[in-house]
Structures are given as structure tokens and as C-alpha cells.
Amino acid sequence: MKSEAAPIRSRRFARRAAFQALYAVTIGMAEPEDALATALDGAELAPETSEFCRDVFLRAATAPDEFTDLFKPHLAAGWALDRLAVTDKLLCLLACVELWHRPEVPPKVTLDEYVELAKRFGSETSHRFVNGVLANVLRDSPKADWSGPPVEPEVEEPGPAEEAEPGPEQEAEQEELHQVGQWIIRQPQPLAEADEPAEPS
């Protein structure tokens, strides 16, 4: 008899599903509940992980302007919101949901996880853009001087194929660090012309 896989407890997969569902709502005009059900179908998340996904997604899907307004002031000069790539915009939006409404999640975890999603789903420069915006957003968030339990890395569990090992460029970026409150995070890079967020197609 084939043994059933243990439910996935890592929030990494919950964040990915929330992003995919929000993208379907934004681009495909899907109904939120339908989009969420599709994103979670076959994910085999543990109940508490699935609930985390539902909470973050529904907050973002039902009040996108509320959270978009939190990162909009931190865009590079001259960049209107409608010029952002949809993936970059949605990842920043979801990260703001966590920073303002998930008090148990360390801010460093939130930033790192959405930067990783930007590497997977965005353009070549999306992760730099998302990291730079969120590093500045964090300073204005309720978690700017966050104190809580020690940071625990996301648990690696069986699931959808992960990205390849980071190359030399990504490893170098991880060494560019600075401090926000008690957190050491990646140094946001100035948006040079080549690093400007891609315009939507």
C-alpha cells in the first residue's frame, strides 16, 4: 500500500500558493475563492499552513489598495505604480500584509521569502527591486523594531521543485547587508537604469 505523504508545514509553499492565487485574480479576473482553491489543489498543506495562506491571500485580494499604499511611497522616483511589473507589485503587496497583520512572523523571514519568490517568478532584476522596496517599507512598519522569538529558518520539506543553487551573483548579493532595527538584512541597491522594474507587457 502506498504511504501518504506527510502534510507540508512550511509556509514557503503557502506564500507561493497565495501569490499564484492573487496573480490569477489580478490577471485572469478569477474569483478569489476559486483562485485559492486552484492554487491549493494538490499542495497537501497542513491545516495551519493552509490557513496562513488563506489569511494572507484574502487580506491582499479583498483590500489591495490598503496594502499597495504602504509600499507605493518607497518606489523609485518617477516610477508610477502602473509601471510596475505585476509580479513585483503583488509580491510587495503580500509582504506588506505579513508585516502589518502577521505579528508572529519575523520581518527578516518575510523579506527573505518574498525576495526568493521574486527570483522564481519575476524578471532578472525583480529580486533586487523587491528587496530594495521592502527594506525601506520595513522601517515604516510595525516591525521596524520587532522583538520576538528567535528566527527559525523555513523548514525544507518535500514539495514542488525548488530553484537551483544560487550562483556567484546571488551569493555576492547575500553578503551586502545592513541593519534595520535589530535585523540584519540585504543591502538595498540603488535602482540603476538596468535594474528598474520591468514595465508590464
C-alpha atoms as a PDB file:
ATOM      1  CA  MET A   1       0.000   0.000   0.000  1.00  0.00           C
ATOM      2  CA  LYS A   2       1.304   3.426  -0.943  1.00  0.00           C
ATOM      3  CA  SER A   3       2.007   5.557   2.115  1.00  0.00           C
ATOM      4  CA  GLU A   4       0.512   9.026   2.252  1.00  0.00           C
ATOM      5  CA  ALA A   5       2.942  11.936   2.318  1.00  0.00           C
ATOM      6  CA  ALA A   6       3.022  13.999   5.485  1.00  0.00           C
ATOM      7  CA  PRO A   7       1.246  17.356   5.116  1.00  0.00           C
ATOM      8  CA  ILE A   8       3.566  20.251   4.317  1.00  0.00           C
ATOM      9  CA  ARG A   9       4.037  22.675   7.204  1.00  0.00           C
ATOM     10  CA  SER A  10       6.497  25.046   5.573  1.00  0.00           C
ATOM     11  CA  ARG A  11       4.980  28.479   4.931  1.00  0.00           C
ATOM     12  CA  ARG A  12       7.192  28.802   1.876  1.00  0.00           C
ATOM     13  CA  PHE A  13       4.650  26.796  -0.115  1.00  0.00           C
ATOM     14  CA  ALA A  14       1.775  28.746   1.449  1.00  0.00           C
ATOM     15  CA  ARG A  15       3.291  32.021   0.250  1.00  0.00           C
ATOM     16  CA  ARG A  16       3.786  30.613  -3.222  1.00  0.00           C
ATOM     17  CA  ALA A  17       0.160  29.472  -3.381  1.00  0.00           C
ATOM     18  CA  ALA A  18      -1.049  32.861  -2.107  1.00  0.00           C
ATOM     19  CA  PHE A  19       0.958  34.624  -4.811  1.00  0.00           C
ATOM     20  CA  GLN A  20      -0.306  32.313  -7.552  1.00  0.00           C
ATOM     21  CA  ALA A  21      -3.902  32.800  -6.437  1.00  0.00           C
ATOM     22  CA  LEU A  22      -3.520  36.583  -6.263  1.00  0.00           C
ATOM     23  CA  TYR A  23      -1.962  36.602  -9.722  1.00  0.00           C
ATOM     24  CA  ALA A  24      -4.936  34.633 -11.068  1.00  0.00           C
ATOM     25  CA  VAL A  25      -7.338  37.148  -9.517  1.00  0.00           C
ATOM     26  CA  THR A  26      -5.380  40.128 -10.857  1.00  0.00           C
ATOM     27  CA  ILE A  27      -4.607  38.879 -14.364  1.00  0.00           C
ATOM     28  CA  GLY A  28      -7.279  36.277 -15.012  1.00  0.00           C
ATOM     29  CA  MET A  29     -10.105  38.003 -13.130  1.00  0.00           C
ATOM     30  CA  ALA A  30     -10.753  34.758 -11.243  1.00  0.00           C
ATOM     31  CA  GLU A  31     -12.980  34.768  -8.194  1.00  0.00           C
ATOM     32  CA  PRO A  32     -10.845  34.796  -5.024  1.00  0.00           C
ATOM     33  CA  GLU A  33     -12.185  31.558  -3.572  1.00  0.00           C
ATOM     34  CA  ASP A  34     -11.828  29.751  -6.911  1.00  0.00           C
ATOM     35  CA  ALA A  35      -8.290  31.044  -7.389  1.00  0.00           C
ATOM     36  CA  LEU A  36      -7.301  29.991  -3.894  1.00  0.00           C
ATOM     37  CA  ALA A  37      -8.814  26.534  -4.285  1.00  0.00           C
ATOM     38  CA  THR A  38      -6.908  26.034  -7.537  1.00  0.00           C
ATOM     39  CA  ALA A  39      -3.614  27.199  -6.017  1.00  0.00           C
ATOM     40  CA  LEU A  40      -4.027  24.901  -3.032  1.00  0.00           C
ATOM     41  CA  ASP A  41      -5.197  21.918  -5.056  1.00  0.00           C
ATOM     42  CA  GLY A  42      -2.701  19.149  -4.619  1.00  0.00           C
ATOM     43  CA  ALA A  43      -0.422  21.230  -2.396  1.00  0.00           C
ATOM     44  CA  GLU A  44      -1.115  18.951   0.582  1.00  0.00           C
ATOM     45  CA  LEU A  45      -0.505  21.702   3.123  1.00  0.00           C
ATOM     46  CA  ALA A  46      -1.047  21.120   6.822  1.00  0.00           C
ATOM     47  CA  PRO A  47      -4.233  22.776   8.111  1.00  0.00           C
ATOM     48  CA  GLU A  48      -2.387  25.590   9.906  1.00  0.00           C
ATOM     49  CA  THR A  49      -0.223  26.239   6.829  1.00  0.00           C
ATOM     50  CA  SER A  50      -3.256  26.304   4.576  1.00  0.00           C
ATOM     51  CA  GLU A  51      -4.939  28.761   6.959  1.00  0.00           C
ATOM     52  CA  PHE A  52      -1.871  31.021   6.830  1.00  0.00           C
ATOM     53  CA  CYS A  53      -2.116  31.010   3.030  1.00  0.00           C
ATOM     54  CA  ARG A  54      -5.843  31.770   3.132  1.00  0.00           C
ATOM     55  CA  ASP A  55      -5.409  34.649   5.578  1.00  0.00           C
ATOM     56  CA  VAL A  56      -2.587  36.372   3.698  1.00  0.00           C
ATOM     57  CA  PHE A  57      -4.250  35.872   0.316  1.00  0.00           C
ATOM     58  CA  LEU A  58      -7.721  37.044   1.326  1.00  0.00           C
ATOM     59  CA  ARG A  59      -6.405  40.179   3.023  1.00  0.00           C
ATOM     60  CA  ALA A  60      -4.483  41.032  -0.138  1.00  0.00           C
ATOM     61  CA  ALA A  61      -7.319  40.124  -2.514  1.00  0.00           C
ATOM     62  CA  THR A  62     -10.069  41.978  -0.648  1.00  0.00           C
ATOM     63  CA  ALA A  63      -8.166  45.181   0.181  1.00  0.00           C
ATOM     64  CA  PRO A  64      -5.295  45.507  -2.320  1.00  0.00           C
ATOM     65  CA  ASP A  65      -5.248  49.317  -2.253  1.00  0.00           C
ATOM     66  CA  GLU A  66      -4.736  49.359   1.519  1.00  0.00           C
ATOM     67  CA  PHE A  67      -1.505  47.404   1.248  1.00  0.00           C
ATOM     68  CA  THR A  68      -0.341  48.871  -2.037  1.00  0.00           C
ATOM     69  CA  ASP A  69      -0.447  52.311  -0.416  1.00  0.00           C
ATOM     70  CA  LEU A  70       2.075  51.057   2.161  1.00  0.00           C
ATOM     71  CA  PHE A  71       4.851  50.419  -0.353  1.00  0.00           C
ATOM     72  CA  LYS A  72       3.935  52.971  -3.054  1.00  0.00           C
ATOM     73  CA  PRO A  73       5.829  55.834  -1.300  1.00  0.00           C
ATOM     74  CA  HIS A  74       9.006  53.741  -1.447  1.00  0.00           C
ATOM     75  CA  LEU A  75       9.122  53.314  -5.214  1.00  0.00           C
ATOM     76  CA  ALA A  76      11.986  54.908  -7.090  1.00  0.00           C
ATOM     77  CA  ALA A  77      11.432  58.498  -8.133  1.00  0.00           C
ATOM     78  CA  GLY A  78       9.469  58.683 -11.331  1.00  0.00           C
ATOM     79  CA  TRP A  79       8.027  55.185 -11.095  1.00  0.00           C
ATOM     80  CA  ALA A  80       4.246  55.212 -11.005  1.00  0.00           C
ATOM     81  CA  LEU A  81       2.510  52.166  -9.638  1.00  0.00           C
ATOM     82  CA  ASP A  82       1.023  51.242 -13.004  1.00  0.00           C
ATOM     83  CA  ARG A  83       4.517  50.943 -14.482  1.00  0.00           C
ATOM     84  CA  LEU A  84       5.466  48.088 -12.190  1.00  0.00           C
ATOM     85  CA  ALA A  85       5.563  44.514 -13.368  1.00  0.00           C
ATOM     86  CA  VAL A  86       2.529  42.732 -11.941  1.00  0.00           C
ATOM     87  CA  THR A  87       4.665  40.097 -10.228  1.00  0.00           C
ATOM     88  CA  ASP A  88       6.755  42.720  -8.408  1.00  0.00           C
ATOM     89  CA  LYS A  89       3.671  44.636  -7.322  1.00  0.00           C
ATOM     90  CA  LEU A  90       1.884  41.564  -5.965  1.00  0.00           C
ATOM     91  CA  LEU A  91       4.918  40.297  -4.063  1.00  0.00           C
ATOM     92  CA  CYS A  92       5.376  43.666  -2.349  1.00  0.00           C
ATOM     93  CA  LEU A  93       1.664  43.747  -1.575  1.00  0.00           C
ATOM     94  CA  LEU A  94       1.703  40.288   0.054  1.00  0.00           C
ATOM     95  CA  ALA A  95       4.826  41.132   2.044  1.00  0.00           C
ATOM     96  CA  CYS A  96       3.066  44.213   3.437  1.00  0.00           C
ATOM     97  CA  VAL A  97       0.179  42.014   4.557  1.00  0.00           C
ATOM     98  CA  GLU A  98       2.627  39.961   6.602  1.00  0.00           C
ATOM     99  CA  LEU A  99       4.454  42.969   8.020  1.00  0.00           C
ATOM    100  CA  TRP A 100       1.238  44.573   9.235  1.00  0.00           C
ATOM    101  CA  HIS A 101      -1.013  41.618  10.034  1.00  0.00           C
ATOM    102  CA  ARG A 102       1.095  38.577  10.919  1.00  0.00           C
ATOM    103  CA  PRO A 103       2.792  39.619  14.164  1.00  0.00           C
ATOM    104  CA  GLU A 104       4.278  36.179  14.765  1.00  0.00           C
ATOM    105  CA  VAL A 105       6.385  36.203  11.590  1.00  0.00           C
ATOM    106  CA  PRO A 106       9.865  37.740  11.951  1.00  0.00           C
ATOM    107  CA  PRO A 107      10.323  40.516   9.383  1.00  0.00           C
ATOM    108  CA  LYS A 108      13.586  39.049   8.128  1.00  0.00           C
ATOM    109  CA  VAL A 109      11.737  35.868   7.196  1.00  0.00           C
ATOM    110  CA  THR A 110       9.090  37.846   5.322  1.00  0.00           C
ATOM    111  CA  LEU A 111      11.649  39.834   3.333  1.00  0.00           C
ATOM    112  CA  ASP A 112      13.806  36.833   2.505  1.00  0.00           C
ATOM    113  CA  GLU A 113      10.868  34.707   1.409  1.00  0.00           C
ATOM    114  CA  TYR A 114       9.384  37.295  -0.958  1.00  0.00           C
ATOM    115  CA  VAL A 115      12.788  38.054  -2.431  1.00  0.00           C
ATOM    116  CA  GLU A 116      13.084  34.333  -3.181  1.00  0.00           C
ATOM    117  CA  LEU A 117       9.667  34.352  -4.830  1.00  0.00           C
ATOM    118  CA  ALA A 118      10.781  37.319  -6.932  1.00  0.00           C
ATOM    119  CA  LYS A 119      13.739  35.261  -8.149  1.00  0.00           C
ATOM    120  CA  ARG A 120      11.382  32.448  -9.137  1.00  0.00           C
ATOM    121  CA  PHE A 121       8.524  34.377 -10.720  1.00  0.00           C
ATOM    122  CA  GLY A 122       9.921  37.781 -11.651  1.00  0.00           C
ATOM    123  CA  SER A 123      12.399  39.183 -14.128  1.00  0.00           C
ATOM    124  CA  GLU A 124      16.193  39.027 -13.760  1.00  0.00           C
ATOM    125  CA  THR A 125      16.168  42.183 -11.631  1.00  0.00           C
ATOM    126  CA  SER A 126      12.909  41.633  -9.718  1.00  0.00           C
ATOM    127  CA  HIS A 127      14.574  40.268  -6.595  1.00  0.00           C
ATOM    128  CA  ARG A 128      16.782  43.354  -6.317  1.00  0.00           C
ATOM    129  CA  PHE A 129      13.796  45.635  -6.775  1.00  0.00           C
ATOM    130  CA  VAL A 130      11.575  43.780  -4.278  1.00  0.00           C
ATOM    131  CA  ASN A 131      14.383  43.626  -1.722  1.00  0.00           C
ATOM    132  CA  GLY A 132      15.117  47.339  -2.010  1.00  0.00           C
ATOM    133  CA  VAL A 133      11.474  48.387  -1.690  1.00  0.00           C
ATOM    134  CA  LEU A 134      10.724  46.065   1.234  1.00  0.00           C
ATOM    135  CA  ALA A 135      13.864  47.048   3.136  1.00  0.00           C
ATOM    136  CA  ASN A 136      12.579  50.616   3.125  1.00  0.00           C
ATOM    137  CA  VAL A 137       8.987  49.592   3.856  1.00  0.00           C
ATOM    138  CA  LEU A 138      10.189  47.706   6.929  1.00  0.00           C
ATOM    139  CA  ARG A 139      11.433  50.937   8.502  1.00  0.00           C
ATOM    140  CA  ASP A 140       7.872  52.307   8.496  1.00  0.00           C
ATOM    141  CA  SER A 141       6.176  49.064   9.503  1.00  0.00           C
ATOM    142  CA  PRO A 142       5.054  47.857  12.953  1.00  0.00           C
ATOM    143  CA  LYS A 143       8.057  45.522  12.877  1.00  0.00           C
ATOM    144  CA  ALA A 144      10.733  48.184  12.422  1.00  0.00           C
ATOM    145  CA  ASP A 145      11.960  47.455  15.960  1.00  0.00           C
ATOM    146  CA  TRP A 146      10.465  43.999  16.112  1.00  0.00           C
ATOM    147  CA  SER A 147      11.353  41.809  19.030  1.00  0.00           C
ATOM    148  CA  GLY A 148      10.110  38.284  19.249  1.00  0.00           C
ATOM    149  CA  PRO A 149      11.213  34.682  19.360  1.00  0.00           C
ATOM    150  CA  PRO A 150      14.485  33.708  17.653  1.00  0.00           C
ATOM    151  CA  VAL A 151      14.253  33.455  13.899  1.00  0.00           C
ATOM    152  CA  GLU A 152      13.797  29.922  12.690  1.00  0.00           C
ATOM    153  CA  PRO A 153      14.520  29.231   9.035  1.00  0.00           C
ATOM    154  CA  GLU A 154      11.742  27.881   6.892  1.00  0.00           C
ATOM    155  CA  VAL A 155      11.674  24.099   7.097  1.00  0.00           C
ATOM    156  CA  GLU A 156      12.673  22.414   3.890  1.00  0.00           C
ATOM    157  CA  GLU A 157      10.077  19.796   3.052  1.00  0.00           C
ATOM    158  CA  PRO A 158       9.227  17.699   0.021  1.00  0.00           C
ATOM    159  CA  GLY A 159       7.175  19.709  -2.403  1.00  0.00           C
ATOM    160  CA  PRO A 160       7.335  21.381  -5.799  1.00  0.00           C
ATOM    161  CA  ALA A 161      10.796  21.508  -7.315  1.00  0.00           C
ATOM    162  CA  GLU A 162      12.929  24.257  -5.839  1.00  0.00           C
ATOM    163  CA  GLU A 163      15.250  26.553  -7.732  1.00  0.00           C
ATOM    164  CA  ALA A 164      18.821  25.617  -8.470  1.00  0.00           C
ATOM    165  CA  GLU A 165      21.573  26.517  -6.048  1.00  0.00           C
ATOM    166  CA  PRO A 166      22.325  30.261  -6.083  1.00  0.00           C
ATOM    167  CA  GLY A 167      25.071  31.319  -8.424  1.00  0.00           C
ATOM    168  CA  PRO A 168      28.030  33.595  -7.612  1.00  0.00           C
ATOM    169  CA  GLU A 169      26.000  36.756  -8.259  1.00  0.00           C
ATOM    170  CA  GLN A 170      23.263  35.750  -5.806  1.00  0.00           C
ATOM    171  CA  GLU A 171      25.815  34.693  -3.190  1.00  0.00           C
ATOM    172  CA  ALA A 172      27.551  38.063  -3.507  1.00  0.00           C
ATOM    173  CA  GLU A 173      24.257  39.878  -3.002  1.00  0.00           C
ATOM    174  CA  GLN A 174      23.620  37.946   0.202  1.00  0.00           C
ATOM    175  CA  GLU A 175      26.808  39.460   1.642  1.00  0.00           C
ATOM    176  CA  GLU A 176      25.577  43.038   1.104  1.00  0.00           C
ATOM    177  CA  LEU A 177      23.939  43.533   4.484  1.00  0.00           C
ATOM    178  CA  HIS A 178      22.739  46.371   6.679  1.00  0.00           C
ATOM    179  CA  GLN A 179      20.759  46.751   9.879  1.00  0.00           C
ATOM    180  CA  VAL A 180      17.100  47.718  10.313  1.00  0.00           C
ATOM    181  CA  GLY A 181      16.152  47.731  13.987  1.00  0.00           C
ATOM    182  CA  GLN A 182      17.596  44.519  15.344  1.00  0.00           C
ATOM    183  CA  TRP A 183      17.615  42.855  11.932  1.00  0.00           C
ATOM    184  CA  ILE A 184      20.493  42.418   9.525  1.00  0.00           C
ATOM    185  CA  ILE A 185      19.060  42.339   6.008  1.00  0.00           C
ATOM    186  CA  ARG A 186      20.365  42.528   2.482  1.00  0.00           C
ATOM    187  CA  GLN A 187      21.516  45.979   1.458  1.00  0.00           C
ATOM    188  CA  PRO A 188      19.021  47.511  -0.972  1.00  0.00           C
ATOM    189  CA  GLN A 189      20.754  48.564  -4.163  1.00  0.00           C
ATOM    190  CA  PRO A 190      20.053  51.882  -5.905  1.00  0.00           C
ATOM    191  CA  LEU A 191      17.895  51.263  -8.954  1.00  0.00           C
ATOM    192  CA  ALA A 192      20.203  51.841 -11.871  1.00  0.00           C
ATOM    193  CA  GLU A 193      18.640  52.018 -15.297  1.00  0.00           C
ATOM    194  CA  ALA A 194      19.237  48.299 -15.846  1.00  0.00           C
ATOM    195  CA  ASP A 195      17.622  47.484 -12.507  1.00  0.00           C
ATOM    196  CA  GLU A 196      14.402  49.425 -12.952  1.00  0.00           C
ATOM    197  CA  PRO A 197      11.337  47.240 -12.613  1.00  0.00           C
ATOM    198  CA  ALA A 198      10.103  45.889 -15.886  1.00  0.00           C
ATOM    199  CA  GLU A 199       7.096  47.587 -17.386  1.00  0.00           C
ATOM    200  CA  PRO A 200       4.052  45.363 -17.721  1.00  0.00           C
ATOM    201  CA  SER A 201       3.704  43.748 -21.114  1.00  0.00           C
END
